[in-house]
Amino acid sequence: MSDEPSPGPLPQALSAELAARVPQLLEAMRSVGSGLELHSTLDRICETAAALADARYAAIGVVDEDGRGLADFVFHGVDEATARRIGRLPDGHRGLLGALIRDPEPVRLADLTADPRSCGFPEHHPSMRGFLGLPIRVQGEIFGNLYLTEKRGGEPFNDYDLNMVRVLATEAGIAIGNARLYEAAKQRERWIDGSVAVTTALLSGGDADDALQVVAEQARRLSGSAAGIVLLPADEGGLEIAAVAADQPSGVLGTIVPPESKVVAELLDGQAVFVEDAAADPRMITGLARGYGPTMLLPLHSDGRVLGALVTPRARGERPFTETERTLAVQFASQAALALMMADAQRDRERLAVYEDRDRIARDLHDLVIQRLFATGMMLESAQRRSVVPDVRVGVGKAVDELDVTIQEIRTAIFALQQGPAEAPSGLRTRVLREINTAAVPLGFKPSHRFVGPVDALVGDLTGKNLIAALREALSNAFRHAGASRIDVVVDADAILPDGRKGVRLTVADDGVGIPEGGRRSGLKNLKRRAESLGGDSRHGPGIGENGGGTTVVWEAPLE
């Protein structure tokens, strides 16, 4: 049977049938144009076309951007259980559906299984014979094809079915065009809102690692990817993973993609890289690409400076990124890079203000407090020499000794206040002591500390960096919210984690007011996220005050 019969004189019975079906056609056209969401519009077109041509099954194959296959396949008439048994949807690369993509002209067949272009049906697919297919054009461009099969009663599709569905396809093209414009506008709005959220979060202050995490989380959400990954230039070359947003912590923080990777070279040169299948692409030379399919790798560059890269991979088998998604993602990456630069400059200004304030406090402690304490000690020593009462002499001597200890502790605090970031020693033990001494100034007292095991020898750089950030967060929470008068800090490098692995455990306990019901827990969430990114965990419980008053925070991670 020919694909499409030549037009000829229509019998009177068919003309009457056409007149009877015009109201049905008008109602179908009204139904098709009644929504703006694209996928629901496609569902509605399938259902309406099936009703109009009295077909059992209907489907729309959406042609992909390169015009060689199907990017989406929407169907009507096949229940979900059957669809699951059939498995993978058609890709349009072969068979009759592929032929319609290559030659988008109406096709009408009495038995599609007898057509030489047919490649058969997969297992569990319902039986289909009668076939009607025709293209759907949106603003003159091929959007996809509408397929109808199995006219009820077993009859073949006739000329009126073809003409009615052709009219419906024209109306469907207009409805799809409107839906695509609406979806594009909504999609741009989401990306703009995401960029605003990133900028707001970055400029509101906070830890630099948290800022990178915000970028990763927003990029993952907006692009509909399996993960969002931020990479920064590594000291030894290449790119280092600095933040990851994914369903499951993968322990890839700190992984370095070597400089010999062609993708790294392109990213550092400011070029975006789009990969169709990361797991199979030879340019992806690390094991991180396994399990991922379509991937966008975007440079974070602004004002000619490349700060790093943003990667948004989808799982294997997921649909590729559209041209619009790629454009919006590139714009998002540029906006995120600008926000990162602005946030970095803001943090520099804040750090400068803090250093200036610390210098002033150090000068005041040295010029005023120590000198007064020293003068007081001399007065007490003079009084001790004049006293003839032994108990008084002993008591005054103890007071003088306490003043000497206090002066030494203040001098240690002054040294910590005057020490710049470039002078920070590399040992974890020393960095912990520095954080404790620095926290002593706003707290008004020095937290106690204890080290267990060879901390400097066992704890690696990445874990140590995150432990220091966790300690800083815990001490900051104690100062701002706890109202504590005592804080105990323990760093245990001989800890055994709940799963039996060797690890390092940081414990910060105070005797403050504890965590109120319904209070903010953003700091605790940050601690937990840091630990989980390394394969560890964080938790909190009662403190060391009377009757368990206060809070104890435990942060732990496996040894590298």
Protein backbone atom coordinates (compact mmCIF):
# COMPACT_ATOMS: atom_id res chain seq x y z
CA MET A 1 0.00 0.00 0.00
CA SER A 2 1.37 3.40 -0.91
CA ASP A 3 2.54 5.78 1.79
CA GLU A 4 -0.08 8.41 0.92
CA PRO A 5 -2.83 7.99 -1.72
CA SER A 6 -3.31 10.64 -4.35
CA PRO A 7 -6.33 12.88 -3.79
CA GLY A 8 -9.44 12.13 -5.86
CA PRO A 9 -13.20 12.72 -5.86
CA LEU A 10 -14.65 11.93 -2.43
CA PRO A 11 -17.80 9.79 -2.12
CA GLN A 12 -20.87 11.48 -0.68
CA ALA A 13 -20.81 9.15 2.36
CA LEU A 14 -17.31 10.27 3.24
CA SER A 15 -18.34 13.95 2.87
CA ALA A 16 -21.14 13.35 5.34
CA GLU A 17 -18.65 11.64 7.66
CA LEU A 18 -16.38 14.67 7.41
CA ALA A 19 -19.21 17.04 8.28
CA ALA A 20 -20.12 14.88 11.26
CA ARG A 21 -16.53 14.89 12.53
CA VAL A 22 -15.84 18.63 12.19
CA PRO A 23 -17.16 19.41 15.72
CA GLN A 24 -14.94 16.64 17.06
CA LEU A 25 -11.97 18.19 15.24
CA LEU A 26 -12.72 21.66 16.65
CA GLU A 27 -12.98 20.26 20.16
CA ALA A 28 -9.69 18.40 19.63
CA MET A 29 -7.98 21.61 18.50
CA ARG A 30 -9.33 23.46 21.54
CA SER A 31 -8.07 20.72 23.85
CA VAL A 32 -4.60 20.65 22.33
CA GLY A 33 -4.06 24.39 22.84
CA SER A 34 -5.33 24.54 26.42
CA GLY A 35 -2.02 24.21 28.32
CA LEU A 36 1.50 25.63 28.46
CA GLU A 37 3.60 22.90 30.10
CA LEU A 38 5.40 21.06 27.30
CA HIS A 39 5.21 17.45 28.43
CA SER A 40 1.55 17.66 29.42
CA THR A 41 0.88 19.29 26.04
CA LEU A 42 2.48 16.30 24.29
CA ASP A 43 0.40 13.90 26.40
CA ARG A 44 -2.73 15.82 25.48
CA ILE A 45 -1.89 15.76 21.75
CA CYS A 46 -1.42 11.97 21.84
CA GLU A 47 -4.70 11.38 23.66
CA THR A 48 -6.62 13.80 21.42
CA ALA A 49 -5.16 12.38 18.18
CA ALA A 50 -6.05 8.84 19.25
CA ALA A 51 -9.63 9.86 19.99
CA LEU A 52 -9.92 11.81 16.74
CA ALA A 53 -8.74 8.91 14.54
CA ASP A 54 -10.31 6.22 16.76
CA ALA A 55 -6.84 4.69 17.28
CA ARG A 56 -5.89 2.40 20.12
CA TYR A 57 -2.32 3.70 20.43
CA ALA A 58 -0.67 7.07 19.81
CA ALA A 59 2.84 8.45 20.35
CA ILE A 60 4.99 11.48 19.63
CA GLY A 61 8.69 11.09 18.93
CA VAL A 62 10.60 14.31 19.64
CA VAL A 63 13.55 14.65 17.26
CA ASP A 64 16.89 15.47 18.92
CA GLU A 65 18.93 18.58 18.13
CA ASP A 66 21.11 16.98 15.47
CA GLY A 67 18.05 15.47 13.73
CA ARG A 68 19.36 11.92 13.76
CA GLY A 69 17.33 10.31 16.52
CA LEU A 70 14.70 10.82 19.20
CA ALA A 71 15.33 12.90 22.32
CA ASP A 72 11.97 11.99 23.88
CA PHE A 73 9.11 9.59 23.26
CA VAL A 74 5.62 10.25 24.67
CA PHE A 75 2.98 7.54 24.27
CA HIS A 76 -0.71 6.87 24.91
CA GLY A 77 -2.57 3.55 25.15
CA VAL A 78 0.22 1.41 26.64
CA ASP A 79 -0.13 0.99 30.40
CA GLU A 80 2.83 1.54 32.71
CA ALA A 81 3.28 -2.14 33.57
CA THR A 82 3.57 -3.06 29.88
CA ALA A 83 5.90 -0.14 29.25
CA ARG A 84 8.19 -1.35 32.06
CA ARG A 85 8.26 -4.85 30.57
CA ILE A 86 9.10 -3.48 27.12
CA GLY A 87 12.01 -1.56 28.63
CA ARG A 88 13.95 1.05 26.73
CA LEU A 89 12.02 3.56 24.63
CA PRO A 90 12.69 3.84 20.88
CA ASP A 91 15.71 5.96 19.94
CA GLY A 92 14.69 6.54 16.31
CA HIS A 93 18.00 5.36 14.88
CA ARG A 94 16.46 2.54 12.83
CA GLY A 95 13.22 1.02 11.66
CA LEU A 96 10.12 2.85 10.53
CA LEU A 97 10.52 5.58 13.14
CA GLY A 98 14.03 6.25 11.91
CA ALA A 99 12.79 6.41 8.32
CA LEU A 100 10.21 9.04 9.31
CA ILE A 101 12.97 11.14 10.90
CA ARG A 102 15.07 11.00 7.75
CA ASP A 103 12.07 11.60 5.46
CA PRO A 104 9.44 13.58 7.40
CA GLU A 105 6.44 12.96 5.15
CA PRO A 106 3.03 11.42 6.00
CA VAL A 107 2.98 7.61 5.95
CA ARG A 108 -0.18 5.45 6.00
CA LEU A 109 0.11 1.65 6.11
CA ALA A 110 -2.46 -1.12 6.36
CA ASP A 111 0.16 -3.45 7.91
CA LEU A 112 3.33 -1.86 9.22
CA THR A 113 4.91 -5.29 9.87
CA ALA A 114 4.95 -5.91 6.10
CA ASP A 115 6.78 -2.65 5.37
CA PRO A 116 10.48 -3.22 4.50
CA ARG A 117 11.46 -0.28 6.72
CA SER A 118 10.02 -1.99 9.81
CA CYS A 119 12.50 -3.71 12.16
CA GLY A 120 9.94 -5.53 14.31
CA PHE A 121 8.85 -5.08 17.90
CA PRO A 122 10.70 -5.80 21.15
CA GLU A 123 9.46 -8.51 23.51
CA HIS A 124 6.20 -7.72 25.39
CA HIS A 125 5.27 -5.04 22.83
CA PRO A 126 1.55 -5.08 21.92
CA SER A 127 0.59 -6.18 18.41
CA MET A 128 0.23 -3.30 15.93
CA ARG A 129 -0.65 -3.31 12.22
CA GLY A 130 -2.51 -0.27 10.95
CA PHE A 131 -0.19 2.76 11.03
CA LEU A 132 -0.50 6.50 10.42
CA GLY A 133 2.48 8.78 10.89
CA LEU A 134 3.08 12.41 10.02
CA PRO A 135 5.50 15.17 11.03
CA ILE A 136 4.80 17.94 13.54
CA ARG A 137 6.37 21.25 12.56
CA VAL A 138 6.97 24.13 14.96
CA GLN A 139 7.56 27.47 13.25
CA GLY A 140 8.57 25.64 10.07
CA GLU A 141 11.09 23.35 11.80
CA ILE A 142 10.55 19.62 12.36
CA PHE A 143 9.78 19.07 16.06
CA GLY A 144 8.95 15.39 15.83
CA ASN A 145 6.51 12.87 14.44
CA LEU A 146 3.01 11.83 15.49
CA TYR A 147 2.30 8.10 15.26
CA LEU A 148 -1.10 6.37 15.39
CA THR A 149 -1.63 2.59 15.28
CA GLU A 150 -4.45 0.05 15.48
CA LYS A 151 -7.67 1.73 14.41
CA ARG A 152 -10.48 0.25 16.48
CA GLY A 153 -12.47 -2.38 14.59
CA GLY A 154 -9.35 -3.50 12.71
CA GLU A 155 -9.98 -1.18 9.75
CA PRO A 156 -7.10 0.71 8.09
CA PHE A 157 -6.81 4.45 8.55
CA ASN A 158 -8.61 6.31 5.75
CA ASP A 159 -8.19 9.64 3.98
CA TYR A 160 -10.35 11.45 6.53
CA ASP A 161 -8.25 10.15 9.39
CA LEU A 162 -5.16 11.43 7.64
CA ASN A 163 -6.65 14.86 6.84
CA MET A 164 -8.14 15.33 10.32
CA VAL A 165 -4.88 14.37 12.04
CA ARG A 166 -2.95 16.61 9.64
CA VAL A 167 -5.06 19.57 10.77
CA LEU A 168 -4.54 18.52 14.38
CA ALA A 169 -0.77 18.28 13.82
CA THR A 170 -0.77 21.88 12.55
CA GLU A 171 -2.58 23.04 15.68
CA ALA A 172 -0.26 20.85 17.76
CA GLY A 173 2.74 22.64 16.25
CA ILE A 174 1.34 25.99 17.40
CA ALA A 175 0.61 24.63 20.89
CA ILE A 176 4.07 23.07 21.17
CA GLY A 177 5.65 26.33 20.02
CA ASN A 178 3.83 28.23 22.76
CA ALA A 179 4.74 25.59 25.33
CA ARG A 180 8.39 25.69 24.32
CA LEU A 181 8.49 29.48 24.64
CA TYR A 182 6.86 29.21 28.06
CA GLU A 183 9.26 26.48 29.20
CA ALA A 184 12.26 28.44 27.91
CA ALA A 185 11.12 31.51 29.85
CA LYS A 186 10.58 29.46 33.02
CA GLN A 187 13.93 27.75 32.55
CA ARG A 188 15.75 31.08 32.20
CA GLU A 189 13.90 32.36 35.25
CA ARG A 190 15.10 29.35 37.28
CA TRP A 191 18.72 29.86 36.22
CA ILE A 192 18.52 33.57 36.99
CA ASP A 193 17.04 32.82 40.42
CA GLY A 194 19.83 30.29 40.97
CA SER A 195 22.48 32.86 40.05
CA VAL A 196 20.91 35.34 42.46
CA ALA A 197 20.87 32.70 45.21
CA VAL A 198 24.55 31.95 44.62
CA THR A 199 25.51 35.64 44.65
CA THR A 200 23.49 36.30 47.80
CA ALA A 201 24.96 33.28 49.60
CA LEU A 202 28.53 34.11 48.61
CA LEU A 203 28.33 37.79 49.58
CA SER A 204 26.65 37.08 52.91
CA GLY A 205 29.99 36.00 54.33
CA GLY A 206 30.96 32.65 55.75
CA ASP A 207 33.55 30.02 54.98
CA ALA A 208 35.06 29.84 51.50
CA ASP A 209 34.41 26.08 51.33
CA ASP A 210 30.75 26.69 52.09
CA ALA A 211 30.64 29.20 49.24
CA LEU A 212 31.93 26.59 46.80
CA GLN A 213 29.38 24.09 48.12
CA VAL A 214 26.58 26.56 47.34
CA VAL A 215 27.79 26.79 43.73
CA ALA A 216 27.92 22.98 43.40
CA GLU A 217 24.44 22.48 44.88
CA GLN A 218 22.78 25.16 42.76
CA ALA A 219 24.45 23.94 39.54
CA ARG A 220 23.30 20.38 40.21
CA ARG A 221 19.71 21.45 40.94
CA LEU A 222 19.36 23.80 37.98
CA SER A 223 20.88 21.46 35.39
CA GLY A 224 19.02 18.37 36.62
CA SER A 225 22.32 16.50 36.98
CA ALA A 226 23.40 13.60 39.15
CA ALA A 227 26.08 15.75 40.77
CA GLY A 228 27.54 19.23 40.95
CA ILE A 229 31.33 19.42 41.26
CA VAL A 230 33.60 22.45 41.75
CA LEU A 231 37.31 22.12 40.96
CA LEU A 232 40.08 24.59 41.78
CA PRO A 233 43.65 24.79 40.42
CA ALA A 234 45.94 22.44 42.38
CA ASP A 235 49.37 23.54 43.63
CA GLU A 236 51.09 20.76 41.68
CA GLY A 237 49.08 21.46 38.51
CA GLY A 238 45.75 20.18 37.26
CA LEU A 239 42.44 20.69 39.04
CA GLU A 240 41.49 19.58 42.55
CA ILE A 241 37.91 18.73 43.59
CA ALA A 242 36.96 21.30 46.24
CA ALA A 243 33.19 20.80 46.57
CA VAL A 244 30.71 18.04 45.64
CA ALA A 245 26.91 17.99 45.72
CA ALA A 246 25.46 14.50 45.22
CA ASP A 247 22.97 12.09 46.79
CA GLN A 248 25.68 9.94 48.34
CA PRO A 249 29.01 11.23 49.72
CA SER A 250 31.59 9.76 47.40
CA GLY A 251 34.80 10.65 49.24
CA VAL A 252 36.26 12.33 46.15
CA LEU A 253 37.07 15.65 47.84
CA GLY A 254 40.73 16.44 47.25
CA THR A 255 41.01 14.23 44.16
CA ILE A 256 43.25 15.84 41.55
CA VAL A 257 42.61 15.64 37.81
CA PRO A 258 46.16 15.72 36.40
CA PRO A 259 47.41 18.54 34.13
CA GLU A 260 48.03 16.15 31.23
CA SER A 261 44.26 15.82 30.77
CA LYS A 262 43.14 17.56 27.59
CA VAL A 263 39.92 18.59 29.31
CA VAL A 264 41.88 20.33 32.10
CA ALA A 265 43.94 22.22 29.53
CA GLU A 266 40.81 23.43 27.75
CA LEU A 267 39.11 24.46 31.00
CA LEU A 268 42.14 26.39 32.24
CA ASP A 269 42.20 28.07 28.85
CA GLY A 270 38.65 29.31 29.51
CA GLN A 271 36.85 26.91 27.12
CA ALA A 272 33.66 25.01 27.95
CA VAL A 273 33.72 21.25 27.24
CA PHE A 274 30.57 19.21 26.52
CA VAL A 275 30.79 15.42 26.64
CA GLU A 276 28.07 13.07 25.35
CA ASP A 277 29.17 10.04 27.39
CA ALA A 278 31.79 10.68 30.08
CA ALA A 279 32.31 6.98 30.80
CA ALA A 280 33.28 6.27 27.18
CA ASP A 281 35.08 9.52 26.27
CA PRO A 282 38.87 8.97 25.99
CA ARG A 283 39.55 12.51 27.21
CA MET A 284 38.16 11.63 30.67
CA ILE A 285 41.28 9.93 32.03
CA THR A 286 40.25 9.55 35.70
CA GLY A 287 37.98 6.92 37.23
CA LEU A 288 35.55 9.63 38.34
CA ALA A 289 33.83 9.54 34.95
CA ARG A 290 32.60 5.97 35.39
CA GLY A 291 28.83 5.85 35.69
CA TYR A 292 28.29 9.26 34.13
CA GLY A 293 26.90 10.06 30.69
CA PRO A 294 26.20 13.56 29.31
CA THR A 295 28.46 16.03 31.12
CA MET A 296 29.06 19.77 31.03
CA LEU A 297 32.51 21.00 32.10
CA LEU A 298 32.49 24.77 32.44
CA PRO A 299 35.33 27.16 33.31
CA LEU A 300 34.73 29.51 36.23
CA HIS A 301 36.28 32.55 34.63
CA SER A 302 35.70 36.26 35.04
CA ASP A 303 37.61 39.30 33.82
CA GLY A 304 40.15 37.09 32.05
CA ARG A 305 40.91 35.04 35.18
CA VAL A 306 40.08 31.32 35.47
CA LEU A 307 39.24 30.47 39.08
CA GLY A 308 38.47 26.81 38.48
CA ALA A 309 35.81 24.68 36.83
CA LEU A 310 32.22 23.54 37.35
CA VAL A 311 31.16 20.02 36.30
CA THR A 312 27.54 18.82 36.03
CA PRO A 313 27.32 15.14 34.95
CA ARG A 314 24.15 13.17 34.30
CA ALA A 315 23.87 9.41 34.75
CA ARG A 316 24.54 7.13 31.77
CA GLY A 317 21.49 6.79 29.56
CA GLU A 318 20.08 10.18 30.60
CA ARG A 319 19.14 12.65 27.88
CA PRO A 320 21.91 14.96 26.64
CA PHE A 321 21.97 18.64 27.54
CA THR A 322 20.14 20.87 25.09
CA GLU A 323 21.71 23.89 23.45
CA THR A 324 19.62 26.14 25.68
CA GLU A 325 20.79 24.31 28.82
CA ARG A 326 24.38 24.62 27.72
CA THR A 327 24.05 28.36 27.11
CA LEU A 328 22.34 28.95 30.45
CA ALA A 329 24.93 26.84 32.29
CA VAL A 330 27.81 28.79 30.74
CA GLN A 331 26.17 32.05 31.82
CA PHE A 332 25.60 30.65 35.31
CA ALA A 333 29.26 29.63 35.59
CA SER A 334 30.40 33.12 34.58
CA GLN A 335 28.05 34.70 37.13
CA ALA A 336 29.22 32.27 39.83
CA ALA A 337 32.87 33.09 39.05
CA LEU A 338 32.14 36.82 39.35
CA ALA A 339 30.35 36.23 42.66
CA LEU A 340 33.29 34.13 43.90
CA MET A 341 35.71 36.94 43.03
CA MET A 342 33.53 39.50 44.78
CA ALA A 343 33.15 37.23 47.82
CA ASP A 344 36.91 36.65 47.91
CA ALA A 345 37.53 40.41 47.78
CA GLN A 346 34.96 40.94 50.53
CA ARG A 347 36.61 38.29 52.71
CA ASP A 348 39.98 39.96 52.10
CA ARG A 349 38.55 43.24 53.37
CA GLU A 350 37.01 41.52 56.37
CA ARG A 351 40.26 39.68 57.12
CA LEU A 352 42.17 42.97 56.90
CA ALA A 353 39.73 44.54 59.35
CA VAL A 354 40.13 41.56 61.68
CA TYR A 355 43.95 41.71 61.51
CA GLU A 356 43.89 45.43 62.21
CA ASP A 357 41.61 44.81 65.19
CA ARG A 358 43.82 41.99 66.43
CA ASP A 359 46.89 44.23 66.17
CA ARG A 360 45.11 46.87 68.24
CA ILE A 361 44.09 44.30 70.87
CA ALA A 362 47.65 42.93 70.97
CA ARG A 363 49.09 46.43 71.45
CA ASP A 364 46.59 47.17 74.21
CA LEU A 365 47.38 43.89 75.95
CA HIS A 366 51.11 44.55 75.71
CA ASP A 367 51.16 48.26 76.52
CA LEU A 368 48.45 48.36 79.16
CA VAL A 369 47.48 45.01 80.65
CA ILE A 370 50.92 43.38 80.91
CA GLN A 371 52.55 46.53 82.23
CA ARG A 372 49.84 46.93 84.87
CA LEU A 373 50.11 43.29 85.86
CA PHE A 374 53.90 43.63 86.01
CA ALA A 375 53.62 46.74 88.19
CA THR A 376 51.10 44.97 90.42
CA GLY A 377 53.49 42.04 90.77
CA MET A 378 56.32 44.36 91.82
CA MET A 379 54.06 46.00 94.41
CA LEU A 380 53.11 42.59 95.79
CA GLU A 381 56.78 41.51 95.94
CA SER A 382 57.60 44.70 97.85
CA ALA A 383 54.70 44.03 100.26
CA GLN A 384 55.90 40.44 100.66
CA ARG A 385 59.37 41.58 101.73
CA ARG A 386 57.93 43.98 104.31
CA SER A 387 55.49 41.49 105.83
CA VAL A 388 56.51 39.70 109.02
CA VAL A 389 53.57 37.24 108.99
CA PRO A 390 54.63 33.94 107.34
CA ASP A 391 51.15 33.07 106.02
CA VAL A 392 50.86 36.46 104.37
CA ARG A 393 54.31 36.09 102.77
CA VAL A 394 53.32 32.64 101.39
CA GLY A 395 49.94 33.88 100.11
CA VAL A 396 51.47 36.95 98.43
CA GLY A 397 54.15 34.74 96.86
CA LYS A 398 51.48 32.50 95.32
CA ALA A 399 49.67 35.55 93.97
CA VAL A 400 52.91 36.78 92.36
CA ASP A 401 53.44 33.34 90.77
CA GLU A 402 49.89 33.40 89.37
CA LEU A 403 50.53 36.85 87.90
CA ASP A 404 53.68 35.55 86.19
CA VAL A 405 51.71 32.65 84.66
CA THR A 406 48.97 35.06 83.57
CA ILE A 407 51.55 37.34 81.93
CA GLN A 408 52.99 34.37 80.01
CA GLU A 409 49.54 33.32 78.80
CA ILE A 410 48.76 36.86 77.67
CA ARG A 411 52.06 36.99 75.79
CA THR A 412 51.09 33.70 74.06
CA ALA A 413 47.76 35.24 73.08
CA ILE A 414 49.56 38.34 71.79
CA PHE A 415 51.79 36.12 69.63
CA ALA A 416 48.74 34.32 68.24
CA LEU A 417 47.02 37.63 67.51
CA GLN A 418 50.04 39.04 65.69
CA GLN A 419 50.73 35.91 63.65
CA GLY A 420 49.67 36.35 60.01
CA PRO A 421 48.22 33.62 57.77
CA ALA A 422 51.49 33.25 55.85
CA GLU A 423 53.27 32.45 59.11
CA ALA A 424 50.86 29.66 60.05
CA PRO A 425 52.82 26.48 60.87
CA SER A 426 51.94 23.30 59.03
CA GLY A 427 51.64 20.94 62.01
CA LEU A 428 48.05 20.03 62.90
CA ARG A 429 48.80 20.17 66.63
CA THR A 430 50.12 23.73 66.30
CA ARG A 431 47.17 24.80 64.16
CA VAL A 432 44.75 23.43 66.77
CA LEU A 433 46.58 25.37 69.50
CA ARG A 434 46.47 28.49 67.39
CA GLU A 435 42.69 28.18 66.94
CA ILE A 436 42.27 27.66 70.70
CA ASN A 437 44.46 30.69 71.55
CA THR A 438 42.66 32.83 69.01
CA ALA A 439 39.26 31.80 70.40
CA ALA A 440 40.43 32.63 73.93
CA VAL A 441 40.29 36.39 73.24
CA PRO A 442 36.54 36.70 72.44
CA LEU A 443 35.65 33.91 74.91
CA GLY A 444 37.41 35.59 77.83
CA PHE A 445 39.03 32.30 78.85
CA LYS A 446 41.25 29.68 77.25
CA PRO A 447 39.64 26.32 76.35
CA SER A 448 41.45 23.30 77.70
CA HIS A 449 42.97 20.90 75.20
CA ARG A 450 44.29 17.35 74.96
CA PHE A 451 45.92 15.39 72.15
CA VAL A 452 45.78 11.59 71.85
CA GLY A 453 48.17 9.76 69.54
CA PRO A 454 50.62 11.10 66.94
CA VAL A 455 48.29 13.74 65.50
CA ASP A 456 50.80 15.35 63.12
CA ALA A 457 52.04 12.02 61.76
CA LEU A 458 48.71 10.27 61.15
CA VAL A 459 46.28 12.95 59.99
CA GLY A 460 46.63 13.94 56.33
CA ASP A 461 46.44 17.45 54.90
CA LEU A 462 42.86 17.27 53.59
CA THR A 463 41.45 15.74 56.78
CA GLY A 464 43.51 18.16 58.88
CA LYS A 465 42.21 21.14 56.92
CA ASN A 466 38.61 20.05 57.47
CA LEU A 467 39.25 19.25 61.16
CA ILE A 468 40.57 22.80 61.72
CA ALA A 469 37.52 24.23 59.95
CA ALA A 470 35.26 22.03 62.13
CA LEU A 471 37.10 23.18 65.30
CA ARG A 472 36.73 26.81 64.25
CA GLU A 473 33.02 26.30 63.60
CA ALA A 474 32.48 24.55 66.95
CA LEU A 475 34.39 27.22 68.93
CA SER A 476 32.53 29.96 67.07
CA ASN A 477 29.17 28.35 67.92
CA ALA A 478 30.22 28.07 71.58
CA PHE A 479 31.19 31.74 71.69
CA ARG A 480 28.15 33.10 69.83
CA HIS A 481 25.37 30.89 71.20
CA ALA A 482 26.42 28.79 74.18
CA GLY A 483 27.35 31.37 76.84
CA ALA A 484 29.89 28.84 78.11
CA SER A 485 32.40 29.31 80.93
CA ARG A 486 34.32 26.12 80.15
CA ILE A 487 35.26 24.38 76.89
CA ASP A 488 37.25 21.16 76.53
CA VAL A 489 38.88 20.26 73.18
CA VAL A 490 40.18 16.74 72.46
CA VAL A 491 41.87 15.61 69.23
CA ASP A 492 42.20 11.81 69.16
CA ALA A 493 44.25 10.34 66.29
CA ASP A 494 43.92 6.80 67.69
CA ALA A 495 40.12 6.74 67.40
CA ILE A 496 38.23 3.73 66.03
CA LEU A 497 35.19 4.76 63.99
CA PRO A 498 31.81 2.97 64.35
CA ASP A 499 32.51 0.93 61.20
CA GLY A 500 35.85 -0.29 62.57
CA ARG A 501 38.13 1.96 60.54
CA LYS A 502 40.95 3.94 62.11
CA GLY A 503 40.20 7.64 62.23
CA VAL A 504 40.66 10.97 63.93
CA ARG A 505 38.02 12.28 66.30
CA LEU A 506 37.56 15.91 67.37
CA THR A 507 35.47 16.51 70.50
CA VAL A 508 34.45 20.00 71.62
CA ALA A 509 32.40 20.06 74.85
CA ASP A 510 31.06 23.10 76.74
CA ASP A 511 28.92 23.86 79.79
CA GLY A 512 26.71 26.47 78.11
CA VAL A 513 22.98 26.66 77.51
CA GLY A 514 22.83 23.79 75.00
CA ILE A 515 20.95 23.75 71.69
CA PRO A 516 17.40 25.12 72.08
CA GLU A 517 14.45 23.33 70.48
CA GLY A 518 13.79 24.80 67.05
CA GLY A 519 17.08 26.71 67.11
CA ARG A 520 19.25 27.21 64.01
CA ARG A 521 21.43 24.24 63.15
CA SER A 522 23.28 25.52 60.08
CA GLY A 523 26.62 25.22 61.89
CA LEU A 524 25.94 21.60 62.84
CA LYS A 525 24.89 20.83 59.26
CA ASN A 526 28.17 22.30 57.99
CA LEU A 527 30.11 20.07 60.40
CA LYS A 528 28.19 16.98 59.26
CA ARG A 529 28.64 17.81 55.57
CA ARG A 530 32.39 18.22 56.01
CA ALA A 531 32.66 14.89 57.81
CA GLU A 532 30.50 12.99 55.30
CA SER A 533 32.50 14.36 52.36
CA LEU A 534 35.50 12.52 53.85
CA GLY A 535 33.57 9.34 54.66
CA GLY A 536 33.06 10.25 58.34
CA ASP A 537 30.26 11.67 60.47
CA SER A 538 29.40 14.35 63.03
CA ARG A 539 26.97 14.32 65.94
CA HIS A 540 26.15 16.21 69.11
CA GLY A 541 24.94 15.41 72.62
CA PRO A 542 24.86 16.62 76.22
CA GLY A 543 27.64 18.89 77.45
CA ILE A 544 29.92 18.97 80.50
CA GLY A 545 27.81 21.31 82.61
CA GLU A 546 25.77 20.32 85.63
CA ASN A 547 23.24 17.56 84.79
CA GLY A 548 24.60 17.36 81.23
CA GLY A 549 24.15 21.06 80.55
CA GLY A 550 25.76 22.48 77.42
CA THR A 551 26.71 20.68 74.21
CA THR A 552 29.27 18.13 73.11
CA VAL A 553 30.11 18.09 69.40
CA VAL A 554 31.90 15.06 67.97
CA TRP A 555 33.45 15.27 64.50
CA GLU A 556 35.29 12.28 63.04
CA ALA A 557 36.78 11.14 59.75
CA PRO A 558 38.87 8.15 58.59
CA LEU A 559 42.62 8.52 58.38
CA GLU A 560 43.83 8.99 54.82
